Amino acid sequence: MIEKQNKTAIVTGVSSHQGIGAAICRKLASQNFNIFFTYWDSEPLWGKVFTKEISETGVLCKGLEIDLSDVQSAEKMLESAALTVGNPMILVNNAAHSTRDGYLEFNSKTLDAHYAVNMRAVFLLCTEFAKRFQEWNLPYGRIINMTSGQEIGPMPGELAYASTKAAITAFTRSLSTEIAHLGITVNAINPGPTDSSWMNEEIRNHLLPKFPAGRIGQPEDAANLAAFLAGEDSKWITGQVIHSEGRFIRG
């Protein structure tokens, strides 16, 4: 068994009590992972409130408010995590930037804003994690990237979001091959439409008939899969994009 003090996970994009990021933190904490989470543009005192919640489960927890569009954010995050809760075994790239566009509104500013968070921040975090991993002397590493099923079907009105998130799929598959020898697996999760902080009743009523199971995806569904991929039993799974969306019917 891995000693508790050596089990640390970084989770980005934990900016809401009801979000997927928060659910992943709770699930990993229940499996004795120390938690380092990042957040941005949240309600006042969010970082302290959520840190207290996770700490009360008996693990170390530290939150960092950081703008992932900052080109130095990856280095700052990894260094802060190592100093406060321990060298990370797990990296969950959950943060995302999303605004509506469509071809008439599409411009360089919109694209750059999406690129900075959805691509550059993710790619740099992954590679910086891998570069430092051997010196941390940990038994294994896991990188888990969140995507949104862009390769399954179109997302009209979200050109910048769809294209930048889709790039994560290609990056995940290529990076998994490059760093397999380090003992790091790299996978992506598409959770499908998830009833987190962005849904209202109108959206729920529209989406519900598209789920054959009779319910909409919950943050805990994504968290359960992330926790499995973060564990020792997933060591032979890498370079995969797992569509965990309850057979959501598109169109």
Protein backbone atom coordinates (compact mmCIF):
# COMPACT_ATOMS: atom_id res chain seq x y z
CA MET A 1 0.00 0.00 0.00
CA ILE A 2 1.16 3.52 -0.75
CA GLU A 3 1.76 5.62 2.33
CA LYS A 4 -0.84 8.32 2.86
CA GLN A 5 1.73 11.12 2.98
CA ASN A 6 2.82 10.20 -0.56
CA LYS A 7 -0.67 10.39 -2.06
CA THR A 8 -1.36 13.85 -3.43
CA ALA A 9 -3.63 14.96 -6.25
CA ILE A 10 -3.88 18.27 -8.11
CA VAL A 11 -7.31 19.17 -9.44
CA THR A 12 -7.81 22.34 -11.48
CA GLY A 13 -11.04 24.22 -12.04
CA VAL A 14 -12.60 23.66 -8.61
CA SER A 15 -14.62 26.84 -8.56
CA SER A 16 -18.08 25.68 -7.52
CA HIS A 17 -19.54 23.53 -4.76
CA GLN A 18 -21.64 21.67 -7.36
CA GLY A 19 -18.99 21.25 -10.05
CA ILE A 20 -17.19 18.19 -11.36
CA GLY A 21 -13.92 19.46 -9.90
CA ALA A 22 -15.34 19.59 -6.39
CA ALA A 23 -16.82 16.10 -6.77
CA ILE A 24 -13.44 14.74 -7.89
CA CYS A 25 -11.72 16.33 -4.89
CA ARG A 26 -14.24 14.79 -2.51
CA LYS A 27 -13.90 11.35 -4.07
CA LEU A 28 -10.10 11.38 -4.06
CA ALA A 29 -10.05 12.67 -0.49
CA SER A 30 -12.25 9.72 0.51
CA GLN A 31 -9.47 7.50 -0.88
CA ASN A 32 -6.88 9.28 1.30
CA PHE A 33 -5.38 11.54 -1.35
CA ASN A 34 -4.16 14.90 -0.14
CA ILE A 35 -5.78 17.56 -2.32
CA PHE A 36 -4.35 20.63 -4.01
CA PHE A 37 -7.04 22.46 -5.97
CA THR A 38 -7.18 25.61 -8.06
CA TYR A 39 -10.03 28.00 -8.61
CA TRP A 40 -10.78 31.28 -10.34
CA ASP A 41 -13.59 33.84 -10.40
CA SER A 42 -15.42 32.17 -7.51
CA GLU A 43 -17.61 33.54 -4.75
CA PRO A 44 -15.82 35.27 -1.84
CA LEU A 45 -14.12 32.92 0.65
CA TRP A 46 -14.75 29.92 -1.63
CA GLY A 47 -11.16 28.71 -1.32
CA LYS A 48 -11.23 28.75 2.49
CA VAL A 49 -14.66 27.13 2.68
CA PHE A 50 -13.78 24.25 0.38
CA THR A 51 -10.36 23.76 1.96
CA LYS A 52 -12.07 23.37 5.32
CA GLU A 53 -14.57 20.86 3.91
CA ILE A 54 -11.88 18.62 2.45
CA SER A 55 -9.52 18.99 5.42
CA GLU A 56 -12.24 17.75 7.75
CA THR A 57 -12.09 14.37 5.99
CA GLY A 58 -8.62 13.89 7.46
CA VAL A 59 -6.37 14.72 4.49
CA LEU A 60 -4.19 17.72 3.76
CA CYS A 61 -5.81 20.29 1.49
CA LYS A 62 -4.72 23.56 -0.06
CA GLY A 63 -6.50 25.82 -2.52
CA LEU A 64 -4.84 28.27 -4.87
CA GLU A 65 -6.62 31.05 -6.71
CA ILE A 66 -4.82 31.31 -10.03
CA ASP A 67 -5.49 32.51 -13.55
CA LEU A 68 -4.56 29.62 -15.83
CA SER A 69 -4.14 31.98 -18.77
CA ASP A 70 -0.92 33.12 -17.04
CA VAL A 71 1.95 31.42 -18.90
CA GLN A 72 3.70 30.77 -15.57
CA SER A 73 0.68 29.13 -13.95
CA ALA A 74 1.85 25.53 -14.45
CA GLU A 75 5.16 26.06 -12.68
CA LYS A 76 3.54 28.08 -9.90
CA MET A 77 0.94 25.40 -9.31
CA LEU A 78 3.33 22.45 -9.17
CA GLU A 79 5.75 24.26 -6.87
CA SER A 80 2.97 25.40 -4.55
CA ALA A 81 1.50 21.91 -4.36
CA ALA A 82 4.85 20.34 -3.52
CA LEU A 83 5.47 22.87 -0.74
CA THR A 84 2.04 22.61 0.89
CA VAL A 85 0.57 19.11 0.47
CA GLY A 86 3.28 17.04 -1.22
CA ASN A 87 4.60 16.02 -4.61
CA PRO A 88 1.62 15.09 -6.77
CA MET A 89 0.96 11.59 -8.10
CA ILE A 90 -2.25 12.66 -9.79
CA LEU A 91 -2.99 15.59 -12.10
CA VAL A 92 -6.60 16.25 -13.08
CA ASN A 93 -7.00 18.97 -15.70
CA ASN A 94 -10.62 19.92 -15.12
CA ALA A 95 -10.52 23.71 -15.65
CA ALA A 96 -12.01 25.09 -18.87
CA HIS A 97 -12.86 28.39 -20.48
CA SER A 98 -16.16 28.53 -22.34
CA THR A 99 -18.15 31.31 -23.99
CA ARG A 100 -20.68 31.18 -26.79
CA ASP A 101 -19.54 32.35 -30.21
CA GLY A 102 -20.60 31.05 -33.63
CA TYR A 103 -18.91 32.03 -36.86
CA LEU A 104 -20.36 35.56 -36.92
CA GLU A 105 -18.93 36.40 -33.48
CA PHE A 106 -15.73 34.37 -33.84
CA ASN A 107 -12.55 36.45 -33.62
CA SER A 108 -8.93 36.26 -32.48
CA LYS A 109 -9.67 37.51 -28.96
CA THR A 110 -12.24 34.79 -28.37
CA LEU A 111 -9.97 32.10 -29.78
CA ASP A 112 -6.93 33.24 -27.78
CA ALA A 113 -8.89 33.25 -24.52
CA HIS A 114 -9.99 29.66 -25.08
CA TYR A 115 -6.57 28.54 -26.26
CA ALA A 116 -4.79 29.94 -23.20
CA VAL A 117 -6.81 27.89 -20.70
CA ASN A 118 -8.09 24.88 -22.64
CA MET A 119 -4.88 24.09 -24.51
CA ARG A 120 -1.77 25.92 -23.33
CA ALA A 121 -2.40 25.57 -19.60
CA VAL A 122 -3.32 21.89 -19.93
CA PHE A 123 -0.38 21.04 -22.17
CA LEU A 124 2.16 22.85 -19.99
CA LEU A 125 0.81 21.32 -16.79
CA CYS A 126 1.02 17.83 -18.28
CA THR A 127 4.56 18.22 -19.56
CA GLU A 128 5.87 20.00 -16.45
CA PHE A 129 4.34 17.22 -14.33
CA ALA A 130 6.13 14.61 -16.45
CA LYS A 131 9.48 16.46 -16.41
CA ARG A 132 9.51 16.59 -12.61
CA PHE A 133 8.03 13.17 -11.94
CA GLN A 134 11.21 11.08 -11.70
CA GLU A 135 12.80 13.35 -9.10
CA TRP A 136 9.70 12.97 -6.91
CA ASN A 137 10.37 9.21 -6.60
CA LEU A 138 6.70 8.20 -6.56
CA PRO A 139 5.37 4.70 -7.35
CA TYR A 140 3.22 5.82 -10.28
CA GLY A 141 1.66 8.87 -11.92
CA ARG A 142 -1.69 9.61 -13.46
CA ILE A 143 -2.77 12.45 -15.75
CA ILE A 144 -6.51 12.79 -16.30
CA ASN A 145 -7.74 15.38 -18.78
CA MET A 146 -11.39 16.41 -19.04
CA THR A 147 -12.83 16.83 -22.51
CA SER A 148 -16.37 17.18 -23.86
CA GLY A 149 -16.89 14.67 -26.64
CA GLN A 150 -16.13 17.03 -29.49
CA GLU A 151 -15.11 14.18 -31.79
CA ILE A 152 -18.50 12.48 -31.34
CA GLY A 153 -20.65 15.28 -32.72
CA PRO A 154 -20.78 18.99 -33.59
CA MET A 155 -21.16 21.81 -31.08
CA PRO A 156 -22.60 24.71 -33.11
CA GLY A 157 -22.22 28.10 -31.49
CA GLU A 158 -19.14 26.96 -29.58
CA LEU A 159 -16.43 26.94 -32.22
CA ALA A 160 -13.58 28.14 -29.99
CA TYR A 161 -14.53 25.86 -27.11
CA ALA A 162 -15.08 22.78 -29.26
CA SER A 163 -11.87 23.15 -31.21
CA THR A 164 -9.60 23.86 -28.24
CA LYS A 165 -11.07 21.09 -26.10
CA ALA A 166 -10.84 18.66 -29.02
CA ALA A 167 -7.10 19.31 -29.15
CA ILE A 168 -6.84 17.70 -25.72
CA THR A 169 -7.79 14.36 -27.26
CA ALA A 170 -4.88 14.39 -29.71
CA PHE A 171 -2.49 15.61 -27.03
CA THR A 172 -3.61 12.90 -24.58
CA ARG A 173 -3.01 10.11 -27.07
CA SER A 174 0.43 11.32 -28.14
CA LEU A 175 1.69 12.22 -24.66
CA SER A 176 0.60 8.84 -23.27
CA THR A 177 3.03 7.13 -25.63
CA GLU A 178 5.92 9.48 -24.88
CA ILE A 179 5.81 9.14 -21.10
CA ALA A 180 4.61 5.56 -20.60
CA HIS A 181 8.16 4.54 -19.65
CA LEU A 182 8.00 6.91 -16.68
CA GLY A 183 5.11 4.98 -15.14
CA ILE A 184 2.61 7.74 -15.93
CA THR A 185 -0.69 6.99 -17.63
CA VAL A 186 -2.52 9.72 -19.54
CA ASN A 187 -6.25 9.46 -20.20
CA ALA A 188 -9.19 11.75 -20.90
CA ILE A 189 -12.78 11.69 -19.70
CA ASN A 190 -15.80 12.96 -21.58
CA PRO A 191 -18.50 13.18 -18.87
CA GLY A 192 -21.24 14.29 -21.27
CA PRO A 193 -23.82 16.87 -20.15
CA THR A 194 -23.52 17.02 -16.38
CA ASP A 195 -25.93 18.65 -13.98
CA SER A 196 -23.53 21.00 -12.29
CA SER A 197 -23.68 24.76 -11.75
CA TRP A 198 -24.41 25.67 -15.41
CA MET A 199 -27.78 23.93 -15.78
CA ASN A 200 -31.21 25.46 -15.19
CA GLU A 201 -34.64 23.80 -15.34
CA GLU A 202 -35.12 24.63 -19.02
CA ILE A 203 -31.84 22.93 -19.92
CA ARG A 204 -32.61 19.92 -17.70
CA ASN A 205 -36.04 19.45 -19.29
CA HIS A 206 -34.49 19.63 -22.75
CA LEU A 207 -31.72 17.14 -21.99
CA LEU A 208 -33.52 14.57 -19.85
CA PRO A 209 -35.26 12.74 -22.75
CA LYS A 210 -31.85 12.26 -24.37
CA PHE A 211 -30.64 10.04 -21.51
CA PRO A 212 -31.93 6.44 -21.87
CA ALA A 213 -31.23 5.77 -18.19
CA GLY A 214 -33.84 8.35 -17.22
CA ARG A 215 -31.54 10.77 -15.45
CA ILE A 216 -28.96 13.42 -16.28
CA GLY A 217 -25.29 12.86 -15.51
CA GLN A 218 -24.13 14.00 -12.08
CA PRO A 219 -20.70 15.33 -11.03
CA GLU A 220 -20.22 12.18 -8.96
CA ASP A 221 -20.40 10.06 -12.12
CA ALA A 222 -17.31 11.77 -13.51
CA ALA A 223 -15.64 11.70 -10.09
CA ASN A 224 -16.06 7.93 -9.77
CA LEU A 225 -14.35 7.34 -13.10
CA ALA A 226 -11.58 9.83 -12.31
CA ALA A 227 -10.93 8.07 -9.00
CA PHE A 228 -10.60 4.72 -10.77
CA LEU A 229 -8.16 6.16 -13.30
CA ALA A 230 -6.20 7.70 -10.41
CA GLY A 231 -5.77 4.36 -8.71
CA GLU A 232 -3.33 1.46 -9.01
CA ASP A 233 -5.84 -0.81 -10.77
CA SER A 234 -5.90 1.41 -13.88
CA LYS A 235 -2.19 0.96 -14.66
CA TRP A 236 -2.84 -0.77 -18.02
CA ILE A 237 -5.20 1.93 -19.30
CA THR A 238 -3.52 4.81 -21.08
CA GLY A 239 -4.02 6.97 -24.16
CA GLN A 240 -7.78 6.53 -23.95
CA VAL A 241 -10.70 8.94 -24.18
CA ILE A 242 -13.50 7.43 -22.11
CA HIS A 243 -17.01 8.58 -22.99
CA SER A 244 -18.80 8.23 -19.67
CA GLU A 245 -22.12 9.86 -20.51
CA GLY A 246 -24.86 7.30 -19.95
CA ARG A 247 -25.35 6.70 -23.71
CA PHE A 248 -26.45 10.31 -24.19
CA ILE A 249 -28.32 10.68 -27.47
CA ARG A 250 -27.06 13.57 -29.57
CA GLY A 251 -29.14 15.51 -32.04
